[in-house]
Amino acid sequence: MPRIVTMFEPAGRFMSDETGQDLVEYSLLLAFIALAGAAAFIGMSSNVNSIWSAANNRLAAANGS
């Protein structure tokens, strides 16, 4: 006798299947790290600019002496 598949059985199998869970978790972690790195670079831009300006001023003063 053939088995009758109800409408909810494939949905239940899909909800209990966890084969792609690791890929999703690692993708979210990578996205978080990328966003945190971008925020850090944006936050440090003024500090880096002031360091380069100070170095440029000192080199210009040393060159003029």
PDB file of N, CA and C in Angstrom:
ATOM      1  N   MET A   1       0.843  -1.172   0.000  1.00  0.00           N
ATOM      2  CA  MET A   1       0.000   0.000   0.000  1.00  0.00           C
ATOM      3  C   MET A   1       0.898   1.247   0.000  1.00  0.00           C
ATOM      4  N   PRO A   2       0.674   2.195  -0.893  1.00  0.00           N
ATOM      5  CA  PRO A   2       1.515   3.391  -0.952  1.00  0.00           C
ATOM      6  C   PRO A   2       1.282   4.305   0.241  1.00  0.00           C
ATOM      7  N   ARG A   3       2.331   4.946   0.630  1.00  0.00           N
ATOM      8  CA  ARG A   3       2.274   5.871   1.766  1.00  0.00           C
ATOM      9  C   ARG A   3       1.775   7.221   1.280  1.00  0.00           C
ATOM     10  N   ILE A   4       0.880   7.813   2.005  1.00  0.00           N
ATOM     11  CA  ILE A   4       0.316   9.109   1.651  1.00  0.00           C
ATOM     12  C   ILE A   4       1.097  10.184   2.407  1.00  0.00           C
ATOM     13  N   VAL A   5       1.641  11.134   1.651  1.00  0.00           N
ATOM     14  CA  VAL A   5       2.404  12.229   2.235  1.00  0.00           C
ATOM     15  C   VAL A   5       1.457  13.399   2.426  1.00  0.00           C
ATOM     16  N   THR A   6       1.415  13.872   3.646  1.00  0.00           N
ATOM     17  CA  THR A   6       0.541  15.017   3.897  1.00  0.00           C
ATOM     18  C   THR A   6       1.247  16.309   3.506  1.00  0.00           C
ATOM     19  N   MET A   7       0.512  17.369   3.522  1.00  0.00           N
ATOM     20  CA  MET A   7       1.033  18.667   3.124  1.00  0.00           C
ATOM     21  C   MET A   7       2.067  19.186   4.120  1.00  0.00           C
ATOM     22  N   PHE A   8       2.010  18.743   5.361  1.00  0.00           N
ATOM     23  CA  PHE A   8       2.865  19.295   6.407  1.00  0.00           C
ATOM     24  C   PHE A   8       4.167  18.522   6.601  1.00  0.00           C
ATOM     25  N   GLU A   9       4.280  17.329   6.052  1.00  0.00           N
ATOM     26  CA  GLU A   9       5.508  16.549   6.247  1.00  0.00           C
ATOM     27  C   GLU A   9       6.744  17.208   5.636  1.00  0.00           C
ATOM     28  N   PRO A  10       6.717  17.698   4.396  1.00  0.00           N
ATOM     29  CA  PRO A  10       7.918  18.378   3.879  1.00  0.00           C
ATOM     30  C   PRO A  10       8.274  19.629   4.671  1.00  0.00           C
ATOM     31  N   ALA A  11       7.283  20.358   5.137  1.00  0.00           N
ATOM     32  CA  ALA A  11       7.553  21.551   5.931  1.00  0.00           C
ATOM     33  C   ALA A  11       8.202  21.160   7.256  1.00  0.00           C
ATOM     34  N   GLY A  12       7.765  20.081   7.854  1.00  0.00           N
ATOM     35  CA  GLY A  12       8.358  19.611   9.105  1.00  0.00           C
ATOM     36  C   GLY A  12       9.795  19.165   8.915  1.00  0.00           C
ATOM     37  N   ARG A  13      10.062  18.469   7.806  1.00  0.00           N
ATOM     38  CA  ARG A  13      11.448  18.061   7.526  1.00  0.00           C
ATOM     39  C   ARG A  13      12.327  19.281   7.290  1.00  0.00           C
ATOM     40  N   PHE A  14      11.797  20.277   6.597  1.00  0.00           N
ATOM     41  CA  PHE A  14      12.568  21.491   6.335  1.00  0.00           C
ATOM     42  C   PHE A  14      12.886  22.223   7.630  1.00  0.00           C
ATOM     43  N   MET A  15      11.949  22.301   8.547  1.00  0.00           N
ATOM     44  CA  MET A  15      12.170  23.016   9.807  1.00  0.00           C
ATOM     45  C   MET A  15      13.156  22.278  10.713  1.00  0.00           C
ATOM     46  N   SER A  16      13.215  20.960  10.623  1.00  0.00           N
ATOM     47  CA  SER A  16      14.118  20.210  11.502  1.00  0.00           C
ATOM     48  C   SER A  16      15.492  19.984  10.866  1.00  0.00           C
ATOM     49  N   ASP A  17      15.657  20.330   9.587  1.00  0.00           N
ATOM     50  CA  ASP A  17      16.935  20.144   8.905  1.00  0.00           C
ATOM     51  C   ASP A  17      17.892  21.262   9.312  1.00  0.00           C
ATOM     52  N   GLU A  18      19.079  20.898   9.818  1.00  0.00           N
ATOM     53  CA  GLU A  18      20.055  21.881  10.289  1.00  0.00           C
ATOM     54  C   GLU A  18      21.362  21.796   9.516  1.00  0.00           C
ATOM     55  N   THR A  19      21.336  21.318   8.281  1.00  0.00           N
ATOM     56  CA  THR A  19      22.584  21.133   7.547  1.00  0.00           C
ATOM     57  C   THR A  19      23.230  22.451   7.159  1.00  0.00           C
ATOM     58  N   GLY A  20      22.478  23.505   6.902  1.00  0.00           N
ATOM     59  CA  GLY A  20      23.054  24.780   6.504  1.00  0.00           C
ATOM     60  C   GLY A  20      23.202  25.771   7.639  1.00  0.00           C
ATOM     61  N   GLN A  21      22.968  25.328   8.856  1.00  0.00           N
ATOM     62  CA  GLN A  21      23.000  26.234  10.004  1.00  0.00           C
ATOM     63  C   GLN A  21      24.394  26.811  10.235  1.00  0.00           C
ATOM     64  N   ASP A  22      25.434  26.001  10.109  1.00  0.00           N
ATOM     65  CA  ASP A  22      26.797  26.489  10.342  1.00  0.00           C
ATOM     66  C   ASP A  22      27.179  27.559   9.336  1.00  0.00           C
ATOM     67  N   LEU A  23      26.800  27.372   8.092  1.00  0.00           N
ATOM     68  CA  LEU A  23      27.126  28.347   7.058  1.00  0.00           C
ATOM     69  C   LEU A  23      26.478  29.693   7.348  1.00  0.00           C
ATOM     70  N   VAL A  24      25.244  29.675   7.791  1.00  0.00           N
ATOM     71  CA  VAL A  24      24.556  30.921   8.126  1.00  0.00           C
ATOM     72  C   VAL A  24      25.215  31.597   9.320  1.00  0.00           C
ATOM     73  N   GLU A  25      25.567  30.826  10.333  1.00  0.00           N
ATOM     74  CA  GLU A  25      26.201  31.400  11.518  1.00  0.00           C
ATOM     75  C   GLU A  25      27.560  32.008  11.194  1.00  0.00           C
ATOM     76  N   TYR A  26      28.360  31.313  10.406  1.00  0.00           N
ATOM     77  CA  TYR A  26      29.666  31.858  10.037  1.00  0.00           C
ATOM     78  C   TYR A  26      29.529  33.086   9.144  1.00  0.00           C
ATOM     79  N   SER A  27      28.534  33.105   8.284  1.00  0.00           N
ATOM     80  CA  SER A  27      28.305  34.278   7.436  1.00  0.00           C
ATOM     81  C   SER A  27      27.919  35.488   8.279  1.00  0.00           C
ATOM     82  N   LEU A  28      27.061  35.285   9.256  1.00  0.00           N
ATOM     83  CA  LEU A  28      26.679  36.392  10.140  1.00  0.00           C
ATOM     84  C   LEU A  28      27.867  36.883  10.962  1.00  0.00           C
ATOM     85  N   LEU A  29      28.691  35.967  11.425  1.00  0.00           N
ATOM     86  CA  LEU A  29      29.881  36.346  12.189  1.00  0.00           C
ATOM     87  C   LEU A  29      30.857  37.133  11.322  1.00  0.00           C
ATOM     88  N   LEU A  30      31.053  36.697  10.083  1.00  0.00           N
ATOM     89  CA  LEU A  30      31.936  37.410   9.170  1.00  0.00           C
ATOM     90  C   LEU A  30      31.397  38.801   8.854  1.00  0.00           C
ATOM     91  N   ALA A  31      30.087  38.920   8.672  1.00  0.00           N
ATOM     92  CA  ALA A  31      29.489  40.235   8.408  1.00  0.00           C
ATOM     93  C   ALA A  31      29.667  41.158   9.608  1.00  0.00           C
ATOM     94  N   PHE A  32      29.514  40.630  10.819  1.00  0.00           N
ATOM     95  CA  PHE A  32      29.701  41.436  12.021  1.00  0.00           C
ATOM     96  C   PHE A  32      31.139  41.920  12.140  1.00  0.00           C
ATOM     97  N   ILE A  33      32.090  41.044  11.863  1.00  0.00           N
ATOM     98  CA  ILE A  33      33.506  41.423  11.943  1.00  0.00           C
ATOM     99  C   ILE A  33      33.830  42.476  10.892  1.00  0.00           C
ATOM    100  N   ALA A  34      33.280  42.328   9.695  1.00  0.00           N
ATOM    101  CA  ALA A  34      33.533  43.314   8.640  1.00  0.00           C
ATOM    102  C   ALA A  34      32.957  44.674   9.009  1.00  0.00           C
ATOM    103  N   LEU A  35      31.753  44.694   9.555  1.00  0.00           N
ATOM    104  CA  LEU A  35      31.146  45.959   9.959  1.00  0.00           C
ATOM    105  C   LEU A  35      31.899  46.598  11.123  1.00  0.00           C
ATOM    106  N   ALA A  36      32.344  45.794  12.067  1.00  0.00           N
ATOM    107  CA  ALA A  36      33.113  46.326  13.194  1.00  0.00           C
ATOM    108  C   ALA A  36      34.447  46.886  12.710  1.00  0.00           C
ATOM    109  N   GLY A  37      35.082  46.213  11.764  1.00  0.00           N
ATOM    110  CA  GLY A  37      36.336  46.719  11.215  1.00  0.00           C
ATOM    111  C   GLY A  37      36.139  48.018  10.458  1.00  0.00           C
ATOM    112  N   ALA A  38      35.068  48.102   9.680  1.00  0.00           N
ATOM    113  CA  ALA A  38      34.782  49.339   8.949  1.00  0.00           C
ATOM    114  C   ALA A  38      34.504  50.489   9.915  1.00  0.00           C
ATOM    115  N   ALA A  39      33.766  50.213  10.977  1.00  0.00           N
ATOM    116  CA  ALA A  39      33.484  51.256  11.967  1.00  0.00           C
ATOM    117  C   ALA A  39      34.767  51.708  12.661  1.00  0.00           C
ATOM    118  N   ALA A  40      35.663  50.769  12.921  1.00  0.00           N
ATOM    119  CA  ALA A  40      36.937  51.133  13.558  1.00  0.00           C
ATOM    120  C   ALA A  40      37.781  52.004  12.629  1.00  0.00           C
ATOM    121  N   PHE A  41      37.830  51.661  11.348  1.00  0.00           N
ATOM    122  CA  PHE A  41      38.603  52.471  10.406  1.00  0.00           C
ATOM    123  C   PHE A  41      38.012  53.858  10.261  1.00  0.00           C
ATOM    124  N   ILE A  42      36.705  53.964  10.241  1.00  0.00           N
ATOM    125  CA  ILE A  42      36.063  55.280  10.137  1.00  0.00           C
ATOM    126  C   ILE A  42      36.345  56.092  11.399  1.00  0.00           C
ATOM    127  N   GLY A  43      36.297  55.434  12.551  1.00  0.00           N
ATOM    128  CA  GLY A  43      36.557  56.130  13.811  1.00  0.00           C
ATOM    129  C   GLY A  43      37.995  56.572  13.963  1.00  0.00           C
ATOM    130  N   MET A  44      38.918  55.852  13.368  1.00  0.00           N
ATOM    131  CA  MET A  44      40.335  56.188  13.504  1.00  0.00           C
ATOM    132  C   MET A  44      40.823  57.166  12.447  1.00  0.00           C
ATOM    133  N   SER A  45      39.985  57.540  11.511  1.00  0.00           N
ATOM    134  CA  SER A  45      40.463  58.366  10.394  1.00  0.00           C
ATOM    135  C   SER A  45      41.002  59.714  10.852  1.00  0.00           C
ATOM    136  N   SER A  46      40.371  60.344  11.824  1.00  0.00           N
ATOM    137  CA  SER A  46      40.866  61.644  12.284  1.00  0.00           C
ATOM    138  C   SER A  46      42.199  61.491  13.021  1.00  0.00           C
ATOM    139  N   ASN A  47      42.361  60.423  13.777  1.00  0.00           N
ATOM    140  CA  ASN A  47      43.632  60.193  14.475  1.00  0.00           C
ATOM    141  C   ASN A  47      44.768  59.941  13.494  1.00  0.00           C
ATOM    142  N   VAL A  48      44.505  59.138  12.498  1.00  0.00           N
ATOM    143  CA  VAL A  48      45.534  58.841  11.502  1.00  0.00           C
ATOM    144  C   VAL A  48      45.879  60.100  10.725  1.00  0.00           C
ATOM    145  N   ASN A  49      44.870  60.901  10.413  1.00  0.00           N
ATOM    146  CA  ASN A  49      45.118  62.147   9.684  1.00  0.00           C
ATOM    147  C   ASN A  49      45.990  63.094  10.507  1.00  0.00           C
ATOM    148  N   SER A  50      45.748  63.183  11.801  1.00  0.00           N
ATOM    149  CA  SER A  50      46.565  64.077  12.632  1.00  0.00           C
ATOM    150  C   SER A  50      47.995  63.548  12.770  1.00  0.00           C
ATOM    151  N   ILE A  51      48.171  62.240  12.816  1.00  0.00           N
ATOM    152  CA  ILE A  51      49.521  61.662  12.891  1.00  0.00           C
ATOM    153  C   ILE A  51      50.295  61.962  11.608  1.00  0.00           C
ATOM    154  N   TRP A  52      49.653  61.789  10.456  1.00  0.00           N
ATOM    155  CA  TRP A  52      50.321  62.085   9.181  1.00  0.00           C
ATOM    156  C   TRP A  52      50.625  63.577   9.050  1.00  0.00           C
ATOM    157  N   SER A  53      49.741  64.408   9.534  1.00  0.00           N
ATOM    158  CA  SER A  53      49.994  65.851   9.480  1.00  0.00           C
ATOM    159  C   SER A  53      51.188  66.233  10.350  1.00  0.00           C
ATOM    160  N   ALA A  54      51.272  65.667  11.536  1.00  0.00           N
ATOM    161  CA  ALA A  54      52.396  65.954  12.426  1.00  0.00           C
ATOM    162  C   ALA A  54      53.708  65.468  11.821  1.00  0.00           C
ATOM    163  N   ALA A  55      53.689  64.274  11.237  1.00  0.00           N
ATOM    164  CA  ALA A  55      54.902  63.750  10.607  1.00  0.00           C
ATOM    165  C   ALA A  55      55.305  64.611   9.420  1.00  0.00           C
ATOM    166  N   ASN A  56      54.333  65.053   8.648  1.00  0.00           N
ATOM    167  CA  ASN A  56      54.619  65.909   7.498  1.00  0.00           C
ATOM    168  C   ASN A  56      55.212  67.248   7.943  1.00  0.00           C
ATOM    169  N   ASN A  57      54.665  67.821   9.002  1.00  0.00           N
ATOM    170  CA  ASN A  57      55.184  69.093   9.512  1.00  0.00           C
ATOM    171  C   ASN A  57      56.615  68.941  10.023  1.00  0.00           C
ATOM    172  N   ARG A  58      56.901  67.869  10.713  1.00  0.00           N
ATOM    173  CA  ARG A  58      58.246  67.650  11.232  1.00  0.00           C
ATOM    174  C   ARG A  58      59.251  67.420  10.098  1.00  0.00           C
ATOM    175  N   LEU A  59      58.823  66.665   9.066  1.00  0.00           N
ATOM    176  CA  LEU A  59      59.722  66.461   7.929  1.00  0.00           C
ATOM    177  C   LEU A  59      59.969  67.761   7.174  1.00  0.00           C
ATOM    178  N   ALA A  60      58.929  68.571   7.035  1.00  0.00           N
ATOM    179  CA  ALA A  60      59.093  69.856   6.356  1.00  0.00           C
ATOM    180  C   ALA A  60      60.018  70.779   7.154  1.00  0.00           C
ATOM    181  N   ALA A  61      59.890  70.762   8.487  1.00  0.00           N
ATOM    182  CA  ALA A  61      60.753  71.596   9.334  1.00  0.00           C
ATOM    183  C   ALA A  61      62.204  71.095   9.274  1.00  0.00           C
ATOM    184  N   ALA A  62      62.384  69.788   9.234  1.00  0.00           N
ATOM    185  CA  ALA A  62      63.733  69.237   9.171  1.00  0.00           C
ATOM    186  C   ALA A  62      64.366  69.519   7.813  1.00  0.00           C
ATOM    187  N   ASN A  63      63.569  69.541   6.782  1.00  0.00           N
ATOM    188  CA  ASN A  63      64.075  69.803   5.439  1.00  0.00           C
ATOM    189  C   ASN A  63      64.453  71.271   5.270  1.00  0.00           C
ATOM    190  N   GLY A  64      63.727  72.154   5.942  1.00  0.00           N
ATOM    191  CA  GLY A  64      64.008  73.594   5.842  1.00  0.00           C
ATOM    192  C   GLY A  64      65.210  74.032   6.649  1.00  0.00           C
ATOM    193  N   SER A  65      65.659  73.226   7.586  1.00  0.00           N
ATOM    194  CA  SER A  65      66.787  73.627   8.449  1.00  0.00           C
ATOM    195  C   SER A  65      68.105  73.500   7.757  1.00  0.00           C
TER     196      SER A  65
END
